[in-house]
Structures are given as C-alpha cells and as structure tokens.
C-alpha cells in the first residue's frame, strides 16, 4: 500500500541516483526537540509562546541566522539580541546534546548504503562544537560517512536555503564534483529542502508531523519516517540485497 504522505511521482521519472547526502538535525538525530524546549523556556520570560510556524523558519539555518529570525519574529529584539540569545541557549543545549538519540531507520539506511558501496555524507547547518556533542554516542555510525560538511565550513558562505552546504558536499566525494542530478538529499526542514532543490538535487523530506503540510510541496518525496524509504524507487540497492 502506498504511504499516505508520499508525494505522487512515478519511479520511472526519477533520476538515477549514485550518491546520497544526509541532513543531521531532526533527520538522523532527534535533536530538534532540544532547540524547541530551550526556546520555549526563553520565550516564557516574555510571556510569549514558541510555535511551529516560527520553528519552520528557523530549522536548518546557521545558528546566527536562526537566532535573528527568533528575536525579530517574536518581537523581543529590543530586550534580547540574537547574540545574547545564542549565548543563553548554548548553556542549556550543552548538557542536552550528548544525550541525542538516532531517529528511527537512520542506522539501518546508513549501514545499508555503506555496505552496498553507495557514497554517503552529511551536510548540516550545525557548527563543529555542536556536531561533536550531538554525535558523541554515535561516532561509529558517523564514521561510515565519506565526509561531513558543517555550517561553519569556510566554503559555506550562506546557510540553507542557500545551496552552499550541498554544493560543497557534492565537490568532496571521491572523483567530485558529482553531478547534482545524481545526488539524493534527505532533509526534514523546509529550508533544507529548498537548499537541495536550489543545488539541483532530488530530495526526500521526512518532516516532523507538526510541520504544516504546505511545506511538503517542494520535495520530490515525503515520508513519515526513514523506515518507509524504499531504495529501489531511487535506483539504489534494495534492502533485501544487504547481507545480514
């Protein structure tokens, strides 16, 4: 039975995929809840609430870009600067990030693609310090990536929805740059989906169910979980070929 949230798209119309790029926050790691929790605590001081329309605008962006959106959209920029917001948020996040859990299906998909020789990498808006905290318990899995491009990489001039991070990732595969049409990106954030499309790549979106469905339209496929991904629909080796 077809997944009810899959965007209709005949597999025959899809390009042949040879390389895969993963976003990290909210896609491979269940870290978005930490950002939400901290931002709710900060806004409560100003008698304001944090909602998903604001979260959608912040997700996937570089930290300072997301911080500017946060203070401006909530109307607290006169009381709290973007820079001070980040400092305060950092203190709380530092203790939360090392507890990050993998999202359902993340380990299975990464190990399957790696075992079948499909080059994979991570392209994330997270800077190095946060990346190291978030992946502290998952080093072995992330070591399967060919490379990792972070938000503070000198080649990433602008955060998502700019395509910088994905174009940088495409260049660093062996024999790169890889043709964007041969790359499949996995994303959860609207800005990340746009960044992948701006880079000329195909994108599978695995959004949080609380995200407004109007954000689904840009993606080539929308799934409720990585567990629902069928590699053969994208000319990738099917799961049953992986040796146990």
Protein backbone atom coordinates (compact mmCIF):
# COMPACT_ATOMS: atom_id res chain seq x y z
CA UNK A 1 0.00 0.00 0.00
CA UNK A 2 1.34 3.47 -0.90
CA UNK A 3 2.44 5.62 2.00
CA UNK A 4 -0.34 8.19 2.55
CA UNK A 5 2.14 11.04 2.78
CA UNK A 6 4.19 10.17 -0.26
CA UNK A 7 4.10 12.79 -3.00
CA UNK A 8 2.87 11.09 -6.21
CA UNK A 9 5.80 10.61 -8.54
CA UNK A 10 6.32 7.62 -10.81
CA UNK A 11 9.69 5.99 -10.02
CA UNK A 12 10.40 5.81 -13.77
CA UNK A 13 10.53 9.63 -13.90
CA UNK A 14 13.13 9.83 -11.18
CA UNK A 15 16.83 10.28 -11.99
CA UNK A 16 19.39 7.53 -11.42
CA UNK A 17 20.93 8.21 -8.00
CA UNK A 18 24.58 7.37 -7.32
CA UNK A 19 25.34 9.46 -4.20
CA UNK A 20 23.39 10.37 -1.03
CA UNK A 21 23.62 13.40 1.27
CA UNK A 22 22.01 13.44 4.72
CA UNK A 23 20.98 16.42 6.81
CA UNK A 24 21.52 15.67 10.51
CA UNK A 25 19.26 17.52 12.99
CA UNK A 26 15.74 16.11 13.04
CA UNK A 27 16.63 13.69 10.25
CA UNK A 28 19.38 11.40 11.58
CA UNK A 29 19.40 12.66 15.18
CA UNK A 30 16.43 13.58 17.37
CA UNK A 31 17.87 16.98 18.36
CA UNK A 32 15.16 19.39 17.25
CA UNK A 33 13.25 18.76 20.50
CA UNK A 34 16.17 20.27 22.46
CA UNK A 35 16.02 23.51 20.48
CA UNK A 36 12.25 23.67 20.97
CA UNK A 37 12.49 23.10 24.74
CA UNK A 38 15.14 25.79 25.26
CA UNK A 39 13.36 28.32 23.07
CA UNK A 40 10.08 27.75 24.93
CA UNK A 41 11.85 28.41 28.25
CA UNK A 42 13.41 31.66 26.98
CA UNK A 43 10.16 32.98 25.44
CA UNK A 44 8.14 32.19 28.57
CA UNK A 45 10.04 35.02 30.32
CA UNK A 46 8.48 37.44 27.84
CA UNK A 47 5.00 35.84 28.14
CA UNK A 48 5.29 34.55 24.58
CA UNK A 49 4.91 31.05 23.16
CA UNK A 50 7.03 29.19 20.63
CA UNK A 51 5.03 27.77 17.74
CA UNK A 52 5.71 25.60 14.72
CA UNK A 53 5.34 28.39 12.16
CA UNK A 54 8.36 30.08 13.80
CA UNK A 55 10.21 26.78 14.16
CA UNK A 56 9.74 26.11 10.43
CA UNK A 57 11.50 29.42 9.64
CA UNK A 58 14.45 28.59 11.94
CA UNK A 59 15.05 24.92 11.12
CA UNK A 60 18.17 24.08 9.13
CA UNK A 61 19.64 27.58 9.23
CA UNK A 62 23.03 28.57 10.62
CA UNK A 63 22.80 29.42 14.33
CA UNK A 64 23.13 33.22 13.99
CA UNK A 65 20.64 33.31 11.10
CA UNK A 66 18.10 31.28 13.11
CA UNK A 67 18.72 33.49 16.16
CA UNK A 68 17.93 36.66 14.19
CA UNK A 69 14.68 35.11 12.96
CA UNK A 70 13.83 34.13 16.56
CA UNK A 71 14.29 37.55 18.20
CA UNK A 72 12.76 39.52 15.31
CA UNK A 73 9.70 37.33 14.68
CA UNK A 74 8.85 37.16 18.40
CA UNK A 75 9.32 40.91 18.87
CA UNK A 76 11.88 40.58 21.65
CA UNK A 77 14.88 42.01 19.74
CA UNK A 78 14.80 45.21 21.87
CA UNK A 79 15.17 43.11 25.02
CA UNK A 80 17.39 40.26 23.78
CA UNK A 81 19.91 40.41 20.94
CA UNK A 82 20.44 37.46 18.62
CA UNK A 83 23.96 37.09 20.02
CA UNK A 84 22.80 37.08 23.66
CA UNK A 85 20.05 34.60 22.80
CA UNK A 86 22.66 32.24 21.36
CA UNK A 87 24.86 32.53 24.46
CA UNK A 88 21.95 31.72 26.75
CA UNK A 89 20.71 28.87 24.55
CA UNK A 90 24.22 27.41 24.33
CA UNK A 91 24.45 26.96 28.10
CA UNK A 92 21.30 24.82 28.16
CA UNK A 93 22.00 22.88 24.95
CA UNK A 94 25.50 21.85 26.02
CA UNK A 95 24.09 19.42 28.57
CA UNK A 96 21.29 18.15 26.30
CA UNK A 97 23.15 17.38 23.06
CA UNK A 98 25.26 14.44 24.32
CA UNK A 99 22.00 12.57 25.07
CA UNK A 100 20.90 12.73 21.38
CA UNK A 101 19.18 9.59 20.08
CA UNK A 102 19.08 8.32 16.50
CA UNK A 103 15.86 8.79 14.53
CA UNK A 104 14.01 5.59 13.51
CA UNK A 105 15.52 3.98 10.43
CA UNK A 106 18.65 6.15 10.38
CA UNK A 107 21.12 3.43 11.35
CA UNK A 108 19.53 0.86 9.03
CA UNK A 109 19.67 3.16 5.99
CA UNK A 110 23.21 4.45 6.59
CA UNK A 111 24.59 0.95 7.15
CA UNK A 112 22.72 -0.41 4.11
CA UNK A 113 24.02 2.26 1.74
CA UNK A 114 27.56 1.97 3.09
CA UNK A 115 27.52 -1.85 2.81
CA UNK A 116 26.40 -1.53 -0.82
CA UNK A 117 29.13 0.93 -1.78
CA UNK A 118 26.89 3.99 -2.18
CA UNK A 119 28.95 7.09 -1.26
CA UNK A 120 27.23 8.97 1.58
CA UNK A 121 27.94 12.16 3.52
CA UNK A 122 26.39 14.62 5.97
CA UNK A 123 25.70 18.30 5.19
CA UNK A 124 24.46 20.13 8.27
CA UNK A 125 23.99 23.68 9.49
CA UNK A 126 25.46 22.64 12.85
CA UNK A 127 28.89 24.03 13.67
CA UNK A 128 31.73 21.78 14.80
CA UNK A 129 31.31 22.17 18.55
CA UNK A 130 27.64 21.20 18.42
CA UNK A 131 28.28 18.42 15.91
CA UNK A 132 30.79 16.80 18.26
CA UNK A 133 28.38 17.00 21.23
CA UNK A 134 25.43 15.63 19.25
CA UNK A 135 27.35 12.69 17.76
CA UNK A 136 29.23 11.80 20.95
CA UNK A 137 27.35 8.48 21.33
CA UNK A 138 27.19 7.72 17.59
CA UNK A 139 30.78 8.06 16.40
CA UNK A 140 30.91 4.63 14.78
CA UNK A 141 27.85 5.29 12.63
CA UNK A 142 29.03 8.74 11.52
CA UNK A 143 32.45 7.28 10.68
CA UNK A 144 30.73 5.50 7.77
CA UNK A 145 30.26 8.86 6.04
CA UNK A 146 32.69 9.68 3.23
CA UNK A 147 32.87 13.26 4.55
CA UNK A 148 30.94 15.74 6.69
CA UNK A 149 30.29 19.39 5.80
CA UNK A 150 29.42 21.64 8.74
CA UNK A 151 27.73 25.03 8.97
CA UNK A 152 30.98 26.77 9.95
CA UNK A 153 32.88 25.33 6.96
CA UNK A 154 34.66 28.22 5.15
CA UNK A 155 33.09 27.15 1.85
CA UNK A 156 29.56 27.51 3.27
CA UNK A 157 29.12 31.27 2.90
CA UNK A 158 25.34 31.19 3.45
CA UNK A 159 23.16 28.75 5.36
CA UNK A 160 20.15 26.89 3.98
CA UNK A 161 18.05 27.66 1.86
CA UNK A 162 21.19 28.73 0.01
CA UNK A 163 22.64 25.63 -1.74
CA UNK A 164 26.19 26.26 -0.43
CA UNK A 165 26.39 23.33 2.00
CA UNK A 166 25.10 20.80 -0.55
CA UNK A 167 27.31 22.09 -3.37
CA UNK A 168 30.33 21.87 -1.06
CA UNK A 169 29.32 18.30 -0.15
CA UNK A 170 28.98 17.33 -3.83
CA UNK A 171 32.52 18.54 -4.53
CA UNK A 172 34.15 16.42 -1.83
CA UNK A 173 33.05 12.98 -2.89
CA UNK A 174 35.82 10.90 -4.46
CA UNK A 175 36.18 11.99 -8.09
CA UNK A 176 33.95 15.01 -7.37
CA UNK A 177 32.25 17.24 -8.05
CA UNK A 178 29.34 14.84 -8.54
CA UNK A 179 26.54 15.81 -10.95
CA UNK A 180 23.74 17.23 -8.70
CA UNK A 181 21.16 15.27 -10.70
CA UNK A 182 22.74 12.03 -9.42
CA UNK A 183 22.51 13.08 -5.76
CA UNK A 184 19.61 12.34 -3.40
CA UNK A 185 19.32 14.52 -0.31
CA UNK A 186 17.43 13.55 2.86
CA UNK A 187 16.00 16.52 4.80
CA UNK A 188 13.41 17.34 7.44
CA UNK A 189 13.46 21.15 7.31
CA UNK A 190 11.75 23.39 4.75
CA UNK A 191 14.93 25.49 4.34
CA UNK A 192 16.94 22.32 3.74
CA UNK A 193 14.53 21.05 1.11
CA UNK A 194 14.80 24.40 -0.69
CA UNK A 195 18.60 24.32 -0.42
CA UNK A 196 18.71 20.87 -2.03
CA UNK A 197 16.41 21.96 -4.87
CA UNK A 198 18.47 25.16 -5.32
CA UNK A 199 21.51 22.89 -5.70
CA UNK A 200 19.73 20.96 -8.48
CA UNK A 201 19.37 17.79 -6.40
CA UNK A 202 16.45 15.44 -5.68
CA UNK A 203 15.19 15.50 -2.11
CA UNK A 204 13.26 13.16 0.17
CA UNK A 205 11.62 15.03 3.03
CA UNK A 206 10.96 13.36 6.39
CA UNK A 207 9.16 16.17 8.22
CA UNK A 208 8.03 16.38 11.81
CA UNK A 209 4.27 15.63 11.79
CA UNK A 210 3.63 19.02 13.44
CA UNK A 211 5.07 20.88 10.46
CA UNK A 212 2.39 22.43 8.23
CA UNK A 213 1.84 20.25 5.17
CA UNK A 214 2.14 23.27 2.85
CA UNK A 215 5.92 22.87 3.29
CA UNK A 216 5.79 19.40 1.69
CA UNK A 217 5.16 20.57 -1.85
CA UNK A 218 8.76 21.38 -2.83
CA UNK A 219 10.11 17.89 -2.02
CA UNK A 220 10.27 15.07 -4.58
CA UNK A 221 9.02 12.58 -1.99
CA UNK A 222 7.62 12.98 1.53
CA UNK A 223 7.83 10.15 4.06
CA UNK A 224 6.68 9.93 7.66
CA UNK A 225 9.86 8.06 8.67
CA UNK A 226 13.18 6.87 7.22
CA UNK A 227 11.77 3.39 7.90
CA UNK A 228 9.38 3.99 4.96
CA UNK A 229 12.12 4.69 2.42
CA UNK A 230 12.29 2.24 -0.49
CA UNK A 231 15.79 2.47 -2.04
CA UNK A 232 14.81 0.72 -5.26
CA UNK A 233 12.42 3.60 -6.09
CA UNK A 234 15.55 5.71 -6.49
CA UNK A 235 17.63 3.10 -8.38
CA UNK A 236 19.53 2.31 -5.16
CA UNK A 237 20.19 -1.27 -3.97
CA UNK A 238 17.07 -2.69 -2.25
CA UNK A 239 17.26 -3.57 1.43
CA UNK A 240 16.92 -7.31 0.82
CA UNK A 241 20.26 -7.36 -1.03
CA UNK A 242 22.19 -6.34 2.06
CA UNK A 243 23.93 -9.29 3.65
CA UNK A 244 22.99 -9.93 7.26
